[in-house]
Amino acid sequence: MLQYLSVTGDKVKKELSVKADLNYKVEEKKEILARLRENPRVVHVRLAAPGDCLLGLSLQGVYDKDNVPAIPRKECSRPGGCICTYEPILDTIYP
């Protein structure tokens, strides 16, 4: 019985850790996207995804700054979690 409780406790800790990591990533990506939207040199935002993420690949593309999908997605099944990124598309490369 103690072994069962230990496994359950570890599982709960792991689930809390994954949830905390996802919450951190959500906040981090929100902040990055907000900074890209505020930058007048950024005209579009590219959502880039790794090759082993089917969900990310289906979302990958160039978007208007106001229509970019939120990442990370809860539906992501990539081992290790979501590593999709936002990349700026600039109208001016050098000031």
N, C-alpha and C. Protein backbone atom coordinates (compact mmCIF):
# COMPACT_ATOMS: atom_id res chain seq x y z
N MET A 1 0.82 -1.19 0.00
CA MET A 1 0.00 0.00 0.00
C MET A 1 0.87 1.26 0.00
N LEU A 2 1.95 1.25 0.73
CA LEU A 2 2.82 2.42 0.74
C LEU A 2 3.42 2.67 -0.64
N GLN A 3 3.75 1.61 -1.34
CA GLN A 3 4.30 1.77 -2.68
C GLN A 3 3.28 2.44 -3.60
N TYR A 4 2.02 2.07 -3.50
CA TYR A 4 0.96 2.67 -4.30
C TYR A 4 0.86 4.16 -4.00
N LEU A 5 0.89 4.52 -2.74
CA LEU A 5 0.81 5.93 -2.36
C LEU A 5 2.01 6.71 -2.89
N SER A 6 3.17 6.08 -2.85
CA SER A 6 4.37 6.73 -3.36
C SER A 6 4.27 6.99 -4.85
N VAL A 7 3.81 6.00 -5.59
CA VAL A 7 3.66 6.15 -7.04
C VAL A 7 2.62 7.23 -7.33
N THR A 8 1.52 7.20 -6.60
CA THR A 8 0.48 8.21 -6.80
C THR A 8 1.02 9.59 -6.48
N GLY A 9 1.79 9.70 -5.39
CA GLY A 9 2.38 10.99 -5.03
C GLY A 9 3.33 11.50 -6.09
N ASP A 10 4.16 10.61 -6.64
CA ASP A 10 5.08 10.99 -7.71
C ASP A 10 4.32 11.42 -8.95
N LYS A 11 3.24 10.71 -9.25
CA LYS A 11 2.44 11.05 -10.42
C LYS A 11 1.81 12.43 -10.26
N VAL A 12 1.30 12.71 -9.08
CA VAL A 12 0.70 14.02 -8.80
C VAL A 12 1.77 15.11 -8.92
N LYS A 13 2.96 14.88 -8.37
CA LYS A 13 4.04 15.85 -8.47
C LYS A 13 4.42 16.10 -9.93
N LYS A 14 4.48 15.02 -10.71
CA LYS A 14 4.83 15.15 -12.12
C LYS A 14 3.76 15.94 -12.87
N GLU A 15 2.49 15.63 -12.61
CA GLU A 15 1.40 16.35 -13.26
C GLU A 15 1.42 17.82 -12.89
N LEU A 16 1.69 18.14 -11.63
CA LEU A 16 1.78 19.54 -11.21
C LEU A 16 2.96 20.23 -11.87
N SER A 17 4.07 19.52 -12.00
CA SER A 17 5.25 20.08 -12.65
C SER A 17 4.98 20.37 -14.12
N VAL A 18 4.31 19.45 -14.81
CA VAL A 18 3.98 19.64 -16.22
C VAL A 18 3.03 20.82 -16.37
N LYS A 19 2.05 20.91 -15.49
CA LYS A 19 1.08 22.00 -15.53
C LYS A 19 1.77 23.34 -15.28
N ALA A 20 2.68 23.39 -14.32
CA ALA A 20 3.41 24.62 -14.03
C ALA A 20 4.30 25.01 -15.21
N ASP A 21 4.93 24.02 -15.84
CA ASP A 21 5.78 24.29 -17.00
C ASP A 21 4.94 24.83 -18.15
N LEU A 22 3.76 24.27 -18.39
CA LEU A 22 2.88 24.74 -19.44
C LEU A 22 2.43 26.17 -19.15
N ASN A 23 2.06 26.45 -17.90
CA ASN A 23 1.65 27.81 -17.54
C ASN A 23 2.78 28.80 -17.77
N TYR A 24 4.01 28.42 -17.42
CA TYR A 24 5.17 29.28 -17.65
C TYR A 24 5.35 29.54 -19.15
N LYS A 25 5.25 28.48 -19.96
CA LYS A 25 5.42 28.64 -21.40
C LYS A 25 4.33 29.52 -22.00
N VAL A 26 3.10 29.36 -21.53
CA VAL A 26 1.99 30.19 -22.02
C VAL A 26 2.28 31.66 -21.74
N GLU A 27 2.68 31.98 -20.52
CA GLU A 27 2.98 33.36 -20.16
C GLU A 27 4.18 33.89 -20.94
N GLU A 28 5.20 33.08 -21.12
CA GLU A 28 6.39 33.48 -21.86
C GLU A 28 6.03 33.79 -23.32
N LYS A 29 5.25 32.94 -23.95
CA LYS A 29 4.87 33.15 -25.36
C LYS A 29 3.95 34.35 -25.51
N LYS A 30 3.06 34.58 -24.52
CA LYS A 30 2.20 35.77 -24.55
C LYS A 30 3.04 37.04 -24.53
N GLU A 31 4.05 37.05 -23.68
CA GLU A 31 4.93 38.22 -23.56
C GLU A 31 5.71 38.44 -24.87
N ILE A 32 6.23 37.38 -25.44
CA ILE A 32 6.97 37.50 -26.71
C ILE A 32 6.06 38.04 -27.80
N LEU A 33 4.85 37.49 -27.91
CA LEU A 33 3.93 37.94 -28.94
C LEU A 33 3.53 39.40 -28.72
N ALA A 34 3.31 39.79 -27.48
CA ALA A 34 2.96 41.20 -27.19
C ALA A 34 4.08 42.14 -27.62
N ARG A 35 5.32 41.75 -27.36
CA ARG A 35 6.46 42.58 -27.76
C ARG A 35 6.57 42.68 -29.28
N LEU A 36 6.31 41.58 -29.99
CA LEU A 36 6.33 41.61 -31.45
C LEU A 36 5.22 42.50 -31.98
N ARG A 37 4.05 42.44 -31.38
CA ARG A 37 2.92 43.27 -31.83
C ARG A 37 3.19 44.76 -31.60
N GLU A 38 3.88 45.09 -30.52
CA GLU A 38 4.18 46.48 -30.21
C GLU A 38 5.27 47.08 -31.10
N ASN A 39 6.10 46.25 -31.68
CA ASN A 39 7.22 46.72 -32.48
C ASN A 39 6.72 47.16 -33.86
N PRO A 40 6.88 48.46 -34.21
CA PRO A 40 6.38 48.93 -35.50
C PRO A 40 7.13 48.36 -36.71
N ARG A 41 8.34 47.87 -36.52
CA ARG A 41 9.09 47.27 -37.63
C ARG A 41 8.61 45.87 -37.99
N VAL A 42 7.91 45.22 -37.06
CA VAL A 42 7.38 43.88 -37.32
C VAL A 42 6.05 44.03 -38.07
N VAL A 43 6.01 43.50 -39.29
CA VAL A 43 4.79 43.60 -40.09
C VAL A 43 3.97 42.32 -40.04
N HIS A 44 4.61 41.18 -39.86
CA HIS A 44 3.94 39.89 -39.73
C HIS A 44 4.70 39.05 -38.71
N VAL A 45 4.06 37.99 -38.26
CA VAL A 45 4.70 37.06 -37.32
C VAL A 45 4.64 35.67 -37.93
N ARG A 46 5.78 35.01 -37.93
CA ARG A 46 5.85 33.63 -38.42
C ARG A 46 5.80 32.68 -37.23
N LEU A 47 4.92 31.70 -37.31
CA LEU A 47 4.87 30.65 -36.29
C LEU A 47 5.69 29.50 -36.86
N ALA A 48 6.77 29.17 -36.18
CA ALA A 48 7.67 28.09 -36.62
C ALA A 48 7.51 26.89 -35.71
N ALA A 49 7.49 25.70 -36.31
CA ALA A 49 7.30 24.47 -35.55
C ALA A 49 8.36 23.44 -35.92
N PRO A 50 8.69 22.54 -34.98
CA PRO A 50 9.65 21.48 -35.29
C PRO A 50 8.99 20.42 -36.18
N GLY A 51 9.80 19.67 -36.88
CA GLY A 51 9.30 18.66 -37.80
C GLY A 51 8.58 17.49 -37.16
N ASP A 52 8.76 17.30 -35.84
CA ASP A 52 8.11 16.16 -35.18
C ASP A 52 6.83 16.55 -34.45
N CYS A 53 6.29 17.72 -34.76
CA CYS A 53 5.06 18.18 -34.11
C CYS A 53 3.98 18.39 -35.17
N LEU A 54 3.08 17.44 -35.29
CA LEU A 54 2.04 17.52 -36.32
C LEU A 54 1.11 18.71 -36.09
N LEU A 55 0.76 18.98 -34.86
CA LEU A 55 -0.11 20.11 -34.57
C LEU A 55 0.60 21.42 -34.93
N GLY A 56 1.86 21.55 -34.52
CA GLY A 56 2.63 22.74 -34.84
C GLY A 56 2.79 22.94 -36.34
N LEU A 57 3.05 21.85 -37.05
CA LEU A 57 3.20 21.94 -38.50
C LEU A 57 1.90 22.38 -39.17
N SER A 58 0.76 21.98 -38.59
CA SER A 58 -0.52 22.40 -39.17
C SER A 58 -0.79 23.88 -38.93
N LEU A 59 -0.16 24.46 -37.90
CA LEU A 59 -0.32 25.88 -37.59
C LEU A 59 0.79 26.74 -38.19
N GLN A 60 1.88 26.13 -38.57
CA GLN A 60 3.05 26.87 -39.05
C GLN A 60 2.69 27.74 -40.25
N GLY A 61 3.21 28.98 -40.22
CA GLY A 61 2.95 29.89 -41.32
C GLY A 61 3.19 31.32 -40.91
N VAL A 62 2.89 32.24 -41.81
CA VAL A 62 3.05 33.67 -41.57
C VAL A 62 1.66 34.27 -41.35
N TYR A 63 1.52 35.05 -40.28
CA TYR A 63 0.24 35.62 -39.89
C TYR A 63 0.35 37.13 -39.72
N ASP A 64 -0.80 37.82 -39.89
CA ASP A 64 -0.87 39.22 -39.49
C ASP A 64 -0.65 39.27 -37.99
N LYS A 65 -0.10 40.37 -37.52
CA LYS A 65 0.24 40.46 -36.09
C LYS A 65 -0.95 40.23 -35.17
N ASP A 66 -2.15 40.56 -35.62
CA ASP A 66 -3.34 40.43 -34.77
C ASP A 66 -4.04 39.08 -34.90
N ASN A 67 -3.57 38.21 -35.78
CA ASN A 67 -4.25 36.93 -36.01
C ASN A 67 -3.34 35.72 -35.80
N VAL A 68 -2.38 35.84 -34.93
CA VAL A 68 -1.43 34.75 -34.69
C VAL A 68 -2.03 33.75 -33.68
N PRO A 69 -2.01 32.46 -33.99
CA PRO A 69 -2.51 31.47 -33.02
C PRO A 69 -1.65 31.46 -31.75
N ALA A 70 -2.31 31.22 -30.64
CA ALA A 70 -1.60 31.14 -29.36
C ALA A 70 -0.83 29.82 -29.26
N ILE A 71 0.37 29.91 -28.74
CA ILE A 71 1.17 28.72 -28.43
C ILE A 71 1.72 28.88 -27.03
N PRO A 72 2.01 27.80 -26.33
CA PRO A 72 1.86 26.40 -26.69
C PRO A 72 0.39 25.97 -26.63
N ARG A 73 0.09 24.90 -27.34
CA ARG A 73 -1.26 24.36 -27.38
C ARG A 73 -1.36 23.18 -26.42
N LYS A 74 -2.47 23.08 -25.74
CA LYS A 74 -2.69 21.95 -24.84
C LYS A 74 -2.70 20.63 -25.60
N GLU A 75 -3.10 20.69 -26.86
CA GLU A 75 -3.23 19.47 -27.67
C GLU A 75 -1.88 18.95 -28.16
N CYS A 76 -0.80 19.67 -27.91
CA CYS A 76 0.52 19.26 -28.40
C CYS A 76 0.89 17.89 -27.83
N SER A 77 1.29 17.00 -28.72
CA SER A 77 1.65 15.65 -28.28
C SER A 77 3.14 15.38 -28.48
N ARG A 78 3.91 16.43 -28.79
CA ARG A 78 5.33 16.25 -29.01
C ARG A 78 6.01 15.80 -27.72
N PRO A 79 6.83 14.77 -27.77
CA PRO A 79 7.58 14.36 -26.57
C PRO A 79 8.45 15.53 -26.08
N GLY A 80 8.34 15.85 -24.82
CA GLY A 80 9.09 16.98 -24.28
C GLY A 80 8.31 18.27 -24.30
N GLY A 81 7.13 18.26 -24.90
CA GLY A 81 6.29 19.45 -24.92
C GLY A 81 6.53 20.35 -26.11
N CYS A 82 5.78 21.42 -26.14
CA CYS A 82 5.79 22.36 -27.26
C CYS A 82 7.08 23.18 -27.30
N ILE A 83 7.69 23.25 -28.48
CA ILE A 83 8.84 24.13 -28.68
C ILE A 83 8.62 25.03 -29.90
N CYS A 84 7.36 25.22 -30.29
CA CYS A 84 7.05 26.15 -31.36
C CYS A 84 7.49 27.55 -30.95
N THR A 85 7.80 28.39 -31.93
CA THR A 85 8.27 29.74 -31.63
C THR A 85 7.61 30.76 -32.55
N TYR A 86 7.67 32.02 -32.10
CA TYR A 86 7.26 33.16 -32.92
C TYR A 86 8.51 33.80 -33.47
N GLU A 87 8.47 34.15 -34.76
CA GLU A 87 9.59 34.84 -35.39
C GLU A 87 9.06 36.08 -36.10
N PRO A 88 9.76 37.21 -35.95
CA PRO A 88 9.29 38.44 -36.59
C PRO A 88 9.58 38.46 -38.08
N ILE A 89 8.66 39.05 -38.84
CA ILE A 89 8.89 39.37 -40.25
C ILE A 89 8.96 40.90 -40.28
N LEU A 90 10.13 41.42 -40.60
CA LEU A 90 10.37 42.87 -40.53
C LEU A 90 10.20 43.55 -41.87
N ASP A 91 9.81 44.84 -41.81
CA ASP A 91 9.76 45.62 -43.05
C ASP A 91 11.07 46.36 -43.26
N THR A 92 11.83 46.57 -42.19
CA THR A 92 13.13 47.21 -42.28
C THR A 92 14.14 46.34 -41.55
N ILE A 93 15.19 45.97 -42.27
CA ILE A 93 16.20 45.10 -41.67
C ILE A 93 17.22 45.92 -40.88
N TYR A 94 17.62 47.03 -41.41
CA TYR A 94 18.66 47.84 -40.77
C TYR A 94 18.13 49.25 -40.61
N PRO A 95 18.26 49.83 -39.39
CA PRO A 95 17.72 51.19 -39.16
C PRO A 95 18.36 52.27 -39.98
